[in-house]
PDB file of all heavy atoms in Angstrom:
ATOM      1  N   HIS A   1    -203.476  76.816 -18.857  1.00  0.00           N
ATOM      2  CA  HIS A   1    -202.356  77.627 -18.380  1.00  0.00           C
ATOM      3  C   HIS A   1    -202.861  78.959 -17.813  1.00  0.00           C
ATOM      4  O   HIS A   1    -203.778  79.575 -18.372  1.00  0.00           O
ATOM      5  CB  HIS A   1    -201.365  77.902 -19.517  1.00  0.00           C
ATOM      6  CG  HIS A   1    -200.729  76.661 -20.072  1.00  0.00           C
ATOM      7  ND1 HIS A   1    -199.737  75.968 -19.421  1.00  0.00           N
ATOM      8  CD2 HIS A   1    -200.964  75.987 -21.228  1.00  0.00           C
ATOM      9  CE1 HIS A   1    -199.373  74.920 -20.132  1.00  0.00           C
ATOM     10  NE2 HIS A   1    -200.115  74.908 -21.249  1.00  0.00           N
ATOM     11  N   ARG A   2    -202.254  79.385 -16.728  1.00  0.00           N
ATOM     12  CA  ARG A   2    -202.634  80.640 -16.099  1.00  0.00           C
ATOM     13  C   ARG A   2    -201.790  81.800 -16.643  1.00  0.00           C
ATOM     14  O   ARG A   2    -200.565  81.687 -16.758  1.00  0.00           O
ATOM     15  CB  ARG A   2    -202.443  80.566 -14.583  1.00  0.00           C
ATOM     16  CG  ARG A   2    -203.401  79.638 -13.868  1.00  0.00           C
ATOM     17  CD  ARG A   2    -203.212  79.763 -12.361  1.00  0.00           C
ATOM     18  NE  ARG A   2    -204.120  78.893 -11.629  1.00  0.00           N
ATOM     19  CZ  ARG A   2    -204.258  78.899 -10.326  1.00  0.00           C
ATOM     20  NH1 ARG A   2    -203.532  79.735  -9.584  1.00  0.00           N
ATOM     21  NH2 ARG A   2    -205.096  78.073  -9.724  1.00  0.00           N
ATOM     22  N   TYR A   3    -202.467  82.905 -16.893  1.00  0.00           N
ATOM     23  CA  TYR A   3    -201.778  84.112 -17.342  1.00  0.00           C
ATOM     24  C   TYR A   3    -202.229  85.276 -16.465  1.00  0.00           C
ATOM     25  O   TYR A   3    -203.433  85.580 -16.410  1.00  0.00           O
ATOM     26  CB  TYR A   3    -202.104  84.399 -18.821  1.00  0.00           C
ATOM     27  CG  TYR A   3    -201.675  83.297 -19.761  1.00  0.00           C
ATOM     28  CD1 TYR A   3    -202.568  82.271 -20.096  1.00  0.00           C
ATOM     29  CD2 TYR A   3    -200.398  83.263 -20.279  1.00  0.00           C
ATOM     30  CE1 TYR A   3    -202.185  81.239 -20.939  1.00  0.00           C
ATOM     31  CE2 TYR A   3    -199.991  82.231 -21.140  1.00  0.00           C
ATOM     32  CZ  TYR A   3    -200.892  81.226 -21.461  1.00  0.00           C
ATOM     33  OH  TYR A   3    -200.496  80.202 -22.290  1.00  0.00           O
ATOM     34  N   PRO A   4    -201.292  85.914 -15.758  1.00  0.00           N
ATOM     35  CA  PRO A   4    -201.680  87.011 -14.870  1.00  0.00           C
ATOM     36  C   PRO A   4    -202.183  88.222 -15.645  1.00  0.00           C
ATOM     37  O   PRO A   4    -201.711  88.513 -16.749  1.00  0.00           O
ATOM     38  CB  PRO A   4    -200.385  87.337 -14.115  1.00  0.00           C
ATOM     39  CG  PRO A   4    -199.290  86.848 -15.006  1.00  0.00           C
ATOM     40  CD  PRO A   4    -199.838  85.659 -15.731  1.00  0.00           C
ATOM     41  N   ILE A   5    -203.150  88.890 -15.063  1.00  0.00           N
ATOM     42  CA  ILE A   5    -203.687  90.123 -15.649  1.00  0.00           C
ATOM     43  C   ILE A   5    -203.220  91.288 -14.770  1.00  0.00           C
ATOM     44  O   ILE A   5    -203.613  91.398 -13.607  1.00  0.00           O
ATOM     45  CB  ILE A   5    -205.221  90.086 -15.707  1.00  0.00           C
ATOM     46  CG1 ILE A   5    -205.686  88.892 -16.548  1.00  0.00           C
ATOM     47  CG2 ILE A   5    -205.777  91.394 -16.271  1.00  0.00           C
ATOM     48  CD1 ILE A   5    -207.193  88.688 -16.521  1.00  0.00           C
ATOM     49  N   TYR A   6    -202.378  92.116 -15.314  1.00  0.00           N
ATOM     50  CA  TYR A   6    -201.810  93.215 -14.531  1.00  0.00           C
ATOM     51  C   TYR A   6    -202.566  94.517 -14.791  1.00  0.00           C
ATOM     52  O   TYR A   6    -202.670  94.970 -15.924  1.00  0.00           O
ATOM     53  CB  TYR A   6    -200.329  93.419 -14.886  1.00  0.00           C
ATOM     54  CG  TYR A   6    -199.445  92.273 -14.469  1.00  0.00           C
ATOM     55  CD1 TYR A   6    -198.999  91.337 -15.403  1.00  0.00           C
ATOM     56  CD2 TYR A   6    -199.042  92.121 -13.144  1.00  0.00           C
ATOM     57  CE1 TYR A   6    -198.175  90.287 -15.030  1.00  0.00           C
ATOM     58  CE2 TYR A   6    -198.225  91.075 -12.759  1.00  0.00           C
ATOM     59  CZ  TYR A   6    -197.796  90.166 -13.704  1.00  0.00           C
ATOM     60  OH  TYR A   6    -196.985  89.121 -13.324  1.00  0.00           O
ATOM     61  N   SER A   7    -203.103  95.067 -13.728  1.00  0.00           N
ATOM     62  CA  SER A   7    -203.702  96.400 -13.786  1.00  0.00           C
ATOM     63  C   SER A   7    -203.927  96.865 -12.356  1.00  0.00           C
ATOM     64  O   SER A   7    -203.766  96.087 -11.400  1.00  0.00           O
ATOM     65  CB  SER A   7    -205.037  96.382 -14.556  1.00  0.00           C
ATOM     66  OG  SER A   7    -206.068  95.869 -13.737  1.00  0.00           O
ATOM     67  N   SER A   8    -204.299  98.104 -12.188  1.00  0.00           N
ATOM     68  CA  SER A   8    -204.510  98.660 -10.854  1.00  0.00           C
ATOM     69  C   SER A   8    -205.717  98.047 -10.157  1.00  0.00           C
ATOM     70  O   SER A   8    -205.871  98.185  -8.938  1.00  0.00           O
ATOM     71  CB  SER A   8    -204.679 100.181 -10.937  1.00  0.00           C
ATOM     72  OG  SER A   8    -205.804 100.503 -11.750  1.00  0.00           O
ATOM     73  N   THR A   9    -206.569  97.347 -10.907  1.00  0.00           N
ATOM     74  CA  THR A   9    -207.770  96.762 -10.309  1.00  0.00           C
ATOM     75  C   THR A   9    -207.779  95.230 -10.349  1.00  0.00           C
ATOM     76  O   THR A   9    -208.783  94.604 -10.026  1.00  0.00           O
ATOM     77  CB  THR A   9    -209.037  97.275 -11.024  1.00  0.00           C
ATOM     78  OG1 THR A   9    -208.978  96.908 -12.401  1.00  0.00           O
ATOM     79  CG2 THR A   9    -209.167  98.783 -10.882  1.00  0.00           C
ATOM     80  N   THR A  10    -206.640  94.632 -10.752  1.00  0.00           N
ATOM     81  CA  THR A  10    -206.597  93.168 -10.833  1.00  0.00           C
ATOM     82  C   THR A  10    -205.459  92.544 -10.035  1.00  0.00           C
ATOM     83  O   THR A  10    -205.433  91.318  -9.883  1.00  0.00           O
ATOM     84  CB  THR A  10    -206.470  92.706 -12.298  1.00  0.00           C
ATOM     85  OG1 THR A  10    -205.297  93.313 -12.876  1.00  0.00           O
ATOM     86  CG2 THR A  10    -207.709  93.087 -13.094  1.00  0.00           C
ATOM     87  N   ASN A  11    -204.515  93.323  -9.547  1.00  0.00           N
ATOM     88  CA  ASN A  11    -203.464  92.736  -8.727  1.00  0.00           C
ATOM     89  C   ASN A  11    -202.898  93.777  -7.753  1.00  0.00           C
ATOM     90  O   ASN A  11    -202.891  94.978  -8.026  1.00  0.00           O
ATOM     91  CB  ASN A  11    -202.335  92.156  -9.585  1.00  0.00           C
ATOM     92  CG  ASN A  11    -201.478  93.221 -10.245  1.00  0.00           C
ATOM     93  OD1 ASN A  11    -201.897  93.839 -11.221  1.00  0.00           O
ATOM     94  ND2 ASN A  11    -200.294  93.440  -9.708  1.00  0.00           N
ATOM     95  N   GLY A  12    -202.461  93.271  -6.603  1.00  0.00           N
ATOM     96  CA  GLY A  12    -201.872  94.144  -5.591  1.00  0.00           C
ATOM     97  C   GLY A  12    -200.923  93.358  -4.717  1.00  0.00           C
ATOM     98  O   GLY A  12    -200.961  92.123  -4.681  1.00  0.00           O
ATOM     99  N   SER A  13    -200.037  94.057  -3.986  1.00  0.00           N
ATOM    100  CA  SER A  13    -199.107  93.394  -3.079  1.00  0.00           C
ATOM    101  C   SER A  13    -198.817  94.305  -1.894  1.00  0.00           C
ATOM    102  O   SER A  13    -198.921  95.535  -1.993  1.00  0.00           O
ATOM    103  CB  SER A  13    -197.810  93.034  -3.805  1.00  0.00           C
ATOM    104  OG  SER A  13    -197.148  94.193  -4.280  1.00  0.00           O
ATOM    105  N   TRP A  14    -198.452  93.681  -0.764  1.00  0.00           N
ATOM    106  CA  TRP A  14    -198.185  94.398   0.478  1.00  0.00           C
ATOM    107  C   TRP A  14    -196.863  93.898   1.050  1.00  0.00           C
ATOM    108  O   TRP A  14    -196.702  92.698   1.303  1.00  0.00           O
ATOM    109  CB  TRP A  14    -199.312  94.172   1.486  1.00  0.00           C
ATOM    110  CG  TRP A  14    -200.614  94.765   1.055  1.00  0.00           C
ATOM    111  CD1 TRP A  14    -201.162  95.927   1.482  1.00  0.00           C
ATOM    112  CD2 TRP A  14    -201.533  94.240   0.086  1.00  0.00           C
ATOM    113  NE1 TRP A  14    -202.358  96.161   0.846  1.00  0.00           N
ATOM    114  CE2 TRP A  14    -202.615  95.147  -0.017  1.00  0.00           C
ATOM    115  CE3 TRP A  14    -201.545  93.084  -0.704  1.00  0.00           C
ATOM    116  CZ2 TRP A  14    -203.682  94.928  -0.875  1.00  0.00           C
ATOM    117  CZ3 TRP A  14    -202.602  92.868  -1.568  1.00  0.00           C
ATOM    118  CH2 TRP A  14    -203.660  93.783  -1.644  1.00  0.00           C
ATOM    119  N   ALA A  15    -195.919  94.796   1.260  1.00  0.00           N
ATOM    120  CA  ALA A  15    -194.589  94.412   1.734  1.00  0.00           C
ATOM    121  C   ALA A  15    -194.572  94.089   3.219  1.00  0.00           C
ATOM    122  O   ALA A  15    -193.730  93.323   3.684  1.00  0.00           O
ATOM    123  CB  ALA A  15    -193.578  95.529   1.435  1.00  0.00           C
ATOM    124  N   SER A  16    -195.495  94.655   3.969  1.00  0.00           N
ATOM    125  CA  SER A  16    -195.519  94.423   5.414  1.00  0.00           C
ATOM    126  C   SER A  16    -196.920  94.036   5.864  1.00  0.00           C
ATOM    127  O   SER A  16    -197.905  94.281   5.169  1.00  0.00           O
ATOM    128  CB  SER A  16    -195.054  95.670   6.166  1.00  0.00           C
ATOM    129  OG  SER A  16    -195.873  96.784   5.846  1.00  0.00           O
ATOM    130  N   SER A  17    -196.982  93.444   7.034  1.00  0.00           N
ATOM    131  CA  SER A  17    -198.247  92.942   7.565  1.00  0.00           C
ATOM    132  C   SER A  17    -199.191  94.084   7.940  1.00  0.00           C
ATOM    133  O   SER A  17    -198.784  95.058   8.568  1.00  0.00           O
ATOM    134  CB  SER A  17    -197.964  92.082   8.794  1.00  0.00           C
ATOM    135  OG  SER A  17    -199.155  91.702   9.430  1.00  0.00           O
ATOM    136  N   ASP A  18    -200.450  93.945   7.534  1.00  0.00           N
ATOM    137  CA  ASP A  18    -201.487  94.918   7.882  1.00  0.00           C
ATOM    138  C   ASP A  18    -202.816  94.165   7.981  1.00  0.00           C
ATOM    139  O   ASP A  18    -203.384  93.756   6.975  1.00  0.00           O
ATOM    140  CB  ASP A  18    -201.573  96.018   6.823  1.00  0.00           C
ATOM    141  CG  ASP A  18    -202.679  97.030   7.102  1.00  0.00           C
ATOM    142  OD1 ASP A  18    -203.347  96.917   8.155  1.00  0.00           O
ATOM    143  OD2 ASP A  18    -202.889  97.926   6.263  1.00  0.00           O
ATOM    144  N   THR A  19    -203.282  93.995   9.196  1.00  0.00           N
ATOM    145  CA  THR A  19    -204.514  93.238   9.428  1.00  0.00           C
ATOM    146  C   THR A  19    -205.670  93.735   8.580  1.00  0.00           C
ATOM    147  O   THR A  19    -206.480  92.954   8.082  1.00  0.00           O
ATOM    148  CB  THR A  19    -204.903  93.318  10.920  1.00  0.00           C
ATOM    149  OG1 THR A  19    -203.905  92.648  11.690  1.00  0.00           O
ATOM    150  CG2 THR A  19    -206.251  92.661  11.174  1.00  0.00           C
ATOM    151  N   HIS A  20    -205.762  95.038   8.402  1.00  0.00           N
ATOM    152  CA  HIS A  20    -206.921  95.625   7.724  1.00  0.00           C
ATOM    153  C   HIS A  20    -206.672  95.915   6.241  1.00  0.00           C
ATOM    154  O   HIS A  20    -207.414  96.683   5.622  1.00  0.00           O
ATOM    155  CB  HIS A  20    -207.341  96.912   8.447  1.00  0.00           C
ATOM    156  CG  HIS A  20    -207.684  96.681   9.890  1.00  0.00           C
ATOM    157  ND1 HIS A  20    -208.695  95.853  10.288  1.00  0.00           N
ATOM    158  CD2 HIS A  20    -207.109  97.154  11.028  1.00  0.00           C
ATOM    159  CE1 HIS A  20    -208.758  95.820  11.605  1.00  0.00           C
ATOM    160  NE2 HIS A  20    -207.810  96.592  12.078  1.00  0.00           N
ATOM    161  N   SER A  21    -205.664  95.301   5.671  1.00  0.00           N
ATOM    162  CA  SER A  21    -205.429  95.456   4.238  1.00  0.00           C
ATOM    163  C   SER A  21    -206.555  94.780   3.458  1.00  0.00           C
ATOM    164  O   SER A  21    -207.117  93.783   3.889  1.00  0.00           O
ATOM    165  CB  SER A  21    -204.082  94.827   3.852  1.00  0.00           C
ATOM    166  OG  SER A  21    -204.015  93.486   4.310  1.00  0.00           O
ATOM    167  N   TYR A  22    -206.883  95.365   2.319  1.00  0.00           N
ATOM    168  CA  TYR A  22    -207.931  94.784   1.466  1.00  0.00           C
ATOM    169  C   TYR A  22    -207.680  95.206   0.024  1.00  0.00           C
ATOM    170  O   TYR A  22    -206.881  96.112  -0.259  1.00  0.00           O
ATOM    171  CB  TYR A  22    -209.316  95.246   1.918  1.00  0.00           C
ATOM    172  CG  TYR A  22    -209.598  96.718   1.687  1.00  0.00           C
ATOM    173  CD1 TYR A  22    -210.190  97.158   0.504  1.00  0.00           C
ATOM    174  CD2 TYR A  22    -209.247  97.663   2.639  1.00  0.00           C
ATOM    175  CE1 TYR A  22    -210.436  98.504   0.274  1.00  0.00           C
ATOM    176  CE2 TYR A  22    -209.480  99.013   2.424  1.00  0.00           C
ATOM    177  CZ  TYR A  22    -210.084  99.426   1.242  1.00  0.00           C
ATOM    178  OH  TYR A  22    -210.314 100.766   1.023  1.00  0.00           O
ATOM    179  N   PHE A  23    -208.372  94.520  -0.886  1.00  0.00           N
ATOM    180  CA  PHE A  23    -208.229  94.855  -2.302  1.00  0.00           C
ATOM    181  C   PHE A  23    -209.521  94.505  -3.013  1.00  0.00           C
ATOM    182  O   PHE A  23    -210.073  93.414  -2.817  1.00  0.00           O
ATOM    183  CB  PHE A  23    -207.070  94.082  -2.930  1.00  0.00           C
ATOM    184  CG  PHE A  23    -206.717  94.531  -4.322  1.00  0.00           C
ATOM    185  CD1 PHE A  23    -205.920  95.649  -4.516  1.00  0.00           C
ATOM    186  CD2 PHE A  23    -207.174  93.838  -5.438  1.00  0.00           C
ATOM    187  CE1 PHE A  23    -205.585  96.068  -5.803  1.00  0.00           C
ATOM    188  CE2 PHE A  23    -206.857  94.243  -6.711  1.00  0.00           C
ATOM    189  CZ  PHE A  23    -206.058  95.367  -6.903  1.00  0.00           C
ATOM    190  N   ASN A  24    -209.998  95.429  -3.832  1.00  0.00           N
ATOM    191  CA  ASN A  24    -211.207  95.211  -4.626  1.00  0.00           C
ATOM    192  C   ASN A  24    -210.812  94.942  -6.072  1.00  0.00           C
ATOM    193  O   ASN A  24    -210.192  95.793  -6.720  1.00  0.00           O
ATOM    194  CB  ASN A  24    -212.135  96.414  -4.540  1.00  0.00           C
ATOM    195  CG  ASN A  24    -212.722  96.588  -3.152  1.00  0.00           C
ATOM    196  OD1 ASN A  24    -213.049  95.611  -2.483  1.00  0.00           O
ATOM    197  ND2 ASN A  24    -212.837  97.829  -2.687  1.00  0.00           N
ATOM    198  N   ILE A  25    -211.170  93.764  -6.555  1.00  0.00           N
ATOM    199  CA  ILE A  25    -210.850  93.377  -7.930  1.00  0.00           C
ATOM    200  C   ILE A  25    -212.014  93.742  -8.847  1.00  0.00           C
ATOM    201  O   ILE A  25    -213.170  93.435  -8.546  1.00  0.00           O
ATOM    202  CB  ILE A  25    -210.594  91.861  -8.019  1.00  0.00           C
ATOM    203  CG1 ILE A  25    -209.342  91.494  -7.228  1.00  0.00           C
ATOM    204  CG2 ILE A  25    -210.461  91.415  -9.474  1.00  0.00           C
ATOM    205  CD1 ILE A  25    -209.088  90.003  -7.181  1.00  0.00           C
ATOM    206  N   TYR A  26    -211.666  94.395  -9.942  1.00  0.00           N
ATOM    207  CA  TYR A  26    -212.694  94.729 -10.938  1.00  0.00           C
ATOM    208  C   TYR A  26    -212.114  94.464 -12.326  1.00  0.00           C
ATOM    209  O   TYR A  26    -211.034  94.944 -12.669  1.00  0.00           O
ATOM    210  CB  TYR A  26    -213.127  96.188 -10.831  1.00  0.00           C
ATOM    211  CG  TYR A  26    -214.259  96.531 -11.773  1.00  0.00           C
ATOM    212  CD1 TYR A  26    -215.587  96.338 -11.401  1.00  0.00           C
ATOM    213  CD2 TYR A  26    -213.990  97.028 -13.049  1.00  0.00           C
ATOM    214  CE1 TYR A  26    -216.625  96.638 -12.273  1.00  0.00           C
ATOM    215  CE2 TYR A  26    -215.020  97.321 -13.935  1.00  0.00           C
ATOM    216  CZ  TYR A  26    -216.336  97.118 -13.535  1.00  0.00           C
ATOM    217  OH  TYR A  26    -217.366  97.399 -14.405  1.00  0.00           O
ATOM    218  N   TYR A  27    -212.849  93.669 -13.096  1.00  0.00           N
ATOM    219  CA  TYR A  27    -212.398  93.371 -14.447  1.00  0.00           C
ATOM    220  C   TYR A  27    -213.614  93.140 -15.335  1.00  0.00           C
ATOM    221  O   TYR A  27    -214.501  92.349 -14.997  1.00  0.00           O
ATOM    222  CB  TYR A  27    -211.506  92.130 -14.459  1.00  0.00           C
ATOM    223  CG  TYR A  27    -210.911  91.816 -15.804  1.00  0.00           C
ATOM    224  CD1 TYR A  27    -209.868  92.584 -16.318  1.00  0.00           C
ATOM    225  CD2 TYR A  27    -211.384  90.744 -16.564  1.00  0.00           C
ATOM    226  CE1 TYR A  27    -209.303  92.295 -17.546  1.00  0.00           C
ATOM    227  CE2 TYR A  27    -210.834  90.449 -17.802  1.00  0.00           C
ATOM    228  CZ  TYR A  27    -209.801  91.233 -18.287  1.00  0.00           C
ATOM    229  OH  TYR A  27    -209.246  90.961 -19.524  1.00  0.00           O
ATOM    230  N   ASP A  28    -213.648  93.828 -16.469  1.00  0.00           N
ATOM    231  CA  ASP A  28    -214.774  93.733 -17.397  1.00  0.00           C
ATOM    232  C   ASP A  28    -214.404  92.784 -18.532  1.00  0.00           C
ATOM    233  O   ASP A  28    -213.605  93.119 -19.413  1.00  0.00           O
ATOM    234  CB  ASP A  28    -215.110  95.127 -17.941  1.00  0.00           C
ATOM    235  CG  ASP A  28    -216.420  95.133 -18.725  1.00  0.00           C
ATOM    236  OD1 ASP A  28    -216.929  94.049 -19.060  1.00  0.00           O
ATOM    237  OD2 ASP A  28    -216.938  96.239 -18.992  1.00  0.00           O
ATOM    238  N   ASP A  29    -214.979  91.609 -18.507  1.00  0.00           N
ATOM    239  CA  ASP A  29    -214.686  90.604 -19.533  1.00  0.00           C
ATOM    240  C   ASP A  29    -215.271  90.991 -20.887  1.00  0.00           C
ATOM    241  O   ASP A  29    -214.844  90.493 -21.927  1.00  0.00           O
ATOM    242  CB  ASP A  29    -215.250  89.243 -19.091  1.00  0.00           C
ATOM    243  CG  ASP A  29    -214.893  88.129 -20.045  1.00  0.00           C
ATOM    244  OD1 ASP A  29    -213.683  87.880 -20.216  1.00  0.00           O
ATOM    245  OD2 ASP A  29    -215.815  87.519 -20.626  1.00  0.00           O
ATOM    246  N   ASN A  30    -216.228  91.919 -20.875  1.00  0.00           N
ATOM    247  CA  ASN A  30    -216.847  92.343 -22.142  1.00  0.00           C
ATOM    248  C   ASN A  30    -215.843  93.022 -23.069  1.00  0.00           C
ATOM    249  O   ASN A  30    -216.003  92.985 -24.290  1.00  0.00           O
ATOM    250  CB  ASN A  30    -218.004  93.314 -21.867  1.00  0.00           C
ATOM    251  CG  ASN A  30    -219.179  92.618 -21.206  1.00  0.00           C
ATOM    252  OD1 ASN A  30    -219.787  91.738 -21.791  1.00  0.00           O
ATOM    253  ND2 ASN A  30    -219.495  93.018 -19.979  1.00  0.00           N
ATOM    254  N   VAL A  31    -214.838  93.664 -22.476  1.00  0.00           N
ATOM    255  CA  VAL A  31    -213.870  94.409 -23.297  1.00  0.00           C
ATOM    256  C   VAL A  31    -212.573  93.639 -23.480  1.00  0.00           C
ATOM    257  O   VAL A  31    -211.607  94.160 -24.047  1.00  0.00           O
ATOM    258  CB  VAL A  31    -213.575  95.788 -22.670  1.00  0.00           C
ATOM    259  CG1 VAL A  31    -214.835  96.624 -22.594  1.00  0.00           C
ATOM    260  CG2 VAL A  31    -212.961  95.635 -21.283  1.00  0.00           C
ATOM    261  N   ALA A  32    -212.507  92.398 -22.990  1.00  0.00           N
ATOM    262  CA  ALA A  32    -211.301  91.594 -23.156  1.00  0.00           C
ATOM    263  C   ALA A  32    -211.096  91.249 -24.618  1.00  0.00           C
ATOM    264  O   ALA A  32    -212.044  91.016 -25.363  1.00  0.00           O
ATOM    265  CB  ALA A  32    -211.399  90.319 -22.325  1.00  0.00           C
ATOM    266  N   SER A  33    -209.845  91.228 -25.058  1.00  0.00           N
ATOM    267  CA  SER A  33    -209.549  90.960 -26.463  1.00  0.00           C
ATOM    268  C   SER A  33    -209.626  89.477 -26.797  1.00  0.00           C
ATOM    269  O   SER A  33    -209.833  89.099 -27.944  1.00  0.00           O
ATOM    270  CB  SER A  33    -208.146  91.489 -26.809  1.00  0.00           C
ATOM    271  OG  SER A  33    -207.175  90.873 -25.973  1.00  0.00           O
ATOM    272  N   ASP A  34    -209.424  88.621 -25.781  1.00  0.00           N
ATOM    273  CA  ASP A  34    -209.496  87.187 -26.034  1.00  0.00           C
ATOM    274  C   ASP A  34    -210.636  86.587 -25.212  1.00  0.00           C
ATOM    275  O   ASP A  34    -211.398  87.302 -24.571  1.00  0.00           O
ATOM    276  CB  ASP A  34    -208.161  86.517 -25.685  1.00  0.00           C
ATOM    277  CG  ASP A  34    -207.745  86.825 -24.245  1.00  0.00           C
ATOM    278  OD1 ASP A  34    -208.496  87.528 -23.537  1.00  0.00           O
ATOM    279  OD2 ASP A  34    -206.671  86.370 -23.826  1.00  0.00           O
ATOM    280  N   LEU A  35    -210.744  85.288 -25.233  1.00  0.00           N
ATOM    281  CA  LEU A  35    -211.845  84.636 -24.530  1.00  0.00           C
ATOM    282  C   LEU A  35    -211.292  83.478 -23.691  1.00  0.00           C
ATOM    283  O   LEU A  35    -211.254  82.335 -24.149  1.00  0.00           O
ATOM    284  CB  LEU A  35    -212.877  84.121 -25.533  1.00  0.00           C
ATOM    285  CG  LEU A  35    -214.225  83.685 -24.951  1.00  0.00           C
ATOM    286  CD1 LEU A  35    -214.915  84.845 -24.248  1.00  0.00           C
ATOM    287  CD2 LEU A  35    -215.118  83.122 -26.052  1.00  0.00           C
TER     288      LEU A  35
END
């Protein structure tokens, strides 16, 4: 089962089209509470 991870570095959205939109995902699994 998939569970979304919400944070400023794990998800983003864009309401309008922008060719040059981008997003850098960063998540440290070392500090995750589960596995």
